[in-house]
């Protein structure tokens, strides 16, 4: 094999490998390492419950992760949670419990 042909072959091989490496790195950056949980709290009649306390527990780690309060629409969102399995516990505000 001539030295020019060998040089061209090696150069093409290096460029192809560099392209594969670059594409592989981009894919690794795009993977999510966190998640989110959101929902709406309603009572037995279907009315939204504002001011309810929402507790999120990561059952994989046995760790209480977040405590949230529902907004005026009864909604809550927890972002940037470590990946895992969660339980969600809701406590109604004191004004709703007395009814």
Protein backbone atom coordinates (compact mmCIF):
# COMPACT_ATOMS: atom_id res chain seq x y z
CA UNK A 1 0.00 0.00 0.00
CA UNK A 2 1.47 3.38 -0.93
CA UNK A 3 2.15 5.84 1.86
CA UNK A 4 -0.34 8.37 0.40
CA UNK A 5 -3.09 5.75 0.27
CA UNK A 6 -2.27 4.60 3.83
CA UNK A 7 -2.26 8.24 5.05
CA UNK A 8 -5.67 8.88 3.42
CA UNK A 9 -7.12 5.68 4.88
CA UNK A 10 -5.88 6.56 8.40
CA UNK A 11 -7.17 10.12 8.10
CA UNK A 12 -10.64 8.96 7.04
CA UNK A 13 -10.69 6.39 9.86
CA UNK A 14 -9.75 9.06 12.45
CA UNK A 15 -12.44 11.43 11.16
CA UNK A 16 -15.09 8.70 11.28
CA UNK A 17 -14.12 7.70 14.83
CA UNK A 18 -14.11 11.33 15.96
CA UNK A 19 -17.62 11.77 14.50
CA UNK A 20 -18.88 8.67 16.36
CA UNK A 21 -17.32 9.93 19.59
CA UNK A 22 -18.92 13.36 19.19
CA UNK A 23 -22.37 11.86 18.53
CA UNK A 24 -21.99 9.56 21.53
CA UNK A 25 -21.15 12.46 23.83
CA UNK A 26 -24.15 14.49 22.67
CA UNK A 27 -26.45 11.57 23.45
CA UNK A 28 -24.98 11.25 26.95
CA UNK A 29 -25.59 14.93 27.70
CA UNK A 30 -29.23 14.65 26.68
CA UNK A 31 -30.16 12.00 29.24
CA UNK A 32 -32.24 13.18 32.20
CA UNK A 33 -31.08 12.37 35.71
CA UNK A 34 -34.08 13.94 37.44
CA UNK A 35 -37.82 13.76 37.09
CA UNK A 36 -40.95 15.57 38.20
CA UNK A 37 -44.28 14.74 39.81
CA UNK A 38 -47.37 16.89 39.41
CA UNK A 39 -51.05 16.54 40.11
CA UNK A 40 -54.27 18.12 41.30
CA UNK A 41 -55.83 17.42 44.68
CA UNK A 42 -59.63 17.09 44.73
CA UNK A 43 -62.10 16.10 47.42
CA UNK A 44 -64.76 13.39 47.16
CA UNK A 45 -67.13 15.77 45.34
CA UNK A 46 -64.47 16.62 42.73
CA UNK A 47 -63.82 20.15 44.03
CA UNK A 48 -60.17 21.23 44.03
CA UNK A 49 -58.46 21.54 47.40
CA UNK A 50 -56.26 24.61 47.71
CA UNK A 51 -53.71 24.75 50.52
CA UNK A 52 -53.41 20.97 50.90
CA UNK A 53 -50.00 19.67 51.98
CA UNK A 54 -48.42 17.12 49.64
CA UNK A 55 -45.60 14.89 50.95
CA UNK A 56 -43.34 13.05 48.48
CA UNK A 57 -41.30 10.10 49.74
CA UNK A 58 -38.66 8.31 47.68
CA UNK A 59 -39.42 4.68 48.58
CA UNK A 60 -36.21 3.42 46.92
CA UNK A 61 -34.15 5.42 49.41
CA UNK A 62 -36.68 5.57 52.28
CA UNK A 63 -36.30 9.33 52.21
CA UNK A 64 -38.85 12.14 52.59
CA UNK A 65 -37.91 14.29 49.65
CA UNK A 66 -40.35 17.16 49.35
CA UNK A 67 -43.27 18.89 51.07
CA UNK A 68 -45.46 21.09 48.85
CA UNK A 69 -48.65 23.10 49.19
CA UNK A 70 -51.31 23.08 46.48
CA UNK A 71 -52.09 26.37 44.75
CA UNK A 72 -55.52 28.00 44.22
CA UNK A 73 -56.26 25.45 41.47
CA UNK A 74 -55.41 22.52 43.77
CA UNK A 75 -52.29 21.78 41.68
CA UNK A 76 -48.75 20.98 42.73
CA UNK A 77 -45.51 20.26 40.89
CA UNK A 78 -42.22 18.94 42.23
CA UNK A 79 -39.32 19.34 39.81
CA UNK A 80 -35.72 18.11 39.86
CA UNK A 81 -36.50 14.97 41.85
CA UNK A 82 -33.91 12.19 41.95
CA UNK A 83 -35.05 9.27 39.79
CA UNK A 84 -36.85 6.57 41.73
CA UNK A 85 -40.21 5.33 43.00
CA UNK A 86 -42.28 7.74 45.08
CA UNK A 87 -45.33 7.67 47.31
CA UNK A 88 -47.55 10.74 47.51
CA UNK A 89 -49.43 11.56 50.71
CA UNK A 90 -51.89 14.46 50.93
CA UNK A 91 -53.18 16.19 54.06
CA UNK A 92 -56.14 18.54 53.70
CA UNK A 93 -55.87 22.02 55.21
CA UNK A 94 -57.41 22.47 58.69
CA UNK A 95 -60.39 24.42 57.28
CA UNK A 96 -61.36 21.43 55.05
CA UNK A 97 -61.03 18.88 57.87
CA UNK A 98 -63.57 20.58 60.12
CA UNK A 99 -66.41 20.34 57.58
